[in-house]
Structure formats: C-alpha cells, structure tokens
Protein backbone atom coordinates (compact mmCIF):
# COMPACT_ATOMS: atom_id res chain seq x y z
CA MET A 1 -40.73 0.90 18.16
CA LYS A 2 -39.27 4.31 16.29
CA ARG A 3 -37.13 4.94 19.28
CA PHE A 4 -35.72 1.93 18.94
CA ALA A 5 -34.85 2.40 15.57
CA ALA A 6 -33.76 5.75 16.25
CA MET A 7 -31.51 4.02 19.04
CA LEU A 8 -30.68 1.01 16.66
CA LEU A 9 -29.32 3.94 13.88
CA LEU A 10 -27.52 6.16 16.05
CA ALA A 11 -25.36 2.81 18.00
CA THR A 12 -24.84 1.50 13.91
CA LEU A 13 -23.58 5.28 12.93
CA SER A 14 -21.33 5.31 15.54
CA LEU A 15 -20.53 1.99 15.55
CA ALA A 16 -19.24 3.40 11.82
CA LEU A 17 -17.57 6.58 13.02
CA LEU A 18 -15.19 4.85 15.65
CA SER A 19 -13.88 2.70 12.98
CA ALA A 20 -13.57 5.30 10.52
CA CYS A 21 -11.36 6.90 13.32
CA ASN A 22 -8.94 3.93 13.63
CA THR A 23 -8.67 3.45 9.86
CA MET A 24 -7.85 7.25 9.32
CA GLU A 25 -5.11 6.91 12.40
CA GLY A 26 -3.67 3.61 10.41
CA LEU A 27 -3.52 5.14 7.57
CA GLY A 28 -1.76 8.23 8.95
CA LYS A 29 1.09 6.21 10.38
CA ASP A 30 1.65 4.44 6.86
CA VAL A 31 1.76 7.73 5.14
CA LYS A 32 4.33 9.06 7.91
CA LYS A 33 6.24 5.66 7.18
CA LEU A 34 6.31 6.65 3.61
CA GLY A 35 7.24 9.75 4.14
CA GLN A 36 10.48 8.88 6.11
CA LYS A 37 11.19 6.54 3.12
CA VAL A 38 11.26 9.60 1.01
CA GLU A 39 13.40 11.63 3.02
CA ASP A 40 15.93 8.57 3.31
CA LYS A 41 16.29 8.35 -0.13
CA ALA A 42 16.57 12.15 -0.85
CA SER A 43 19.35 12.42 1.71
CA ASP A 44 21.27 9.91 -0.25
C-alpha cells in the first residue's frame, strides 16, 4: 500500500511539473510579444 501511495504521489508531482513547463512556455511567449510591442512603440 505504501508503494502504491508513493507511486501515486510521484505521478501527481510529475504531472504538475509538466503542466508548469507548458505554462511557463506560454508565459515566455506572452512576454516576448509584449517586448516586441514595446520595441515597436520605441522605434516610432
């Protein structure tokens, strides 16, 4: 039973970390777009 609980905890943590990577990737894209808009405004 302890082994099952440990495996379940490990799987849950793995899923959380993988979804966090996708979230950070999306955040990076948003920041990149924002930076591009700031550069465009500065060059005008």
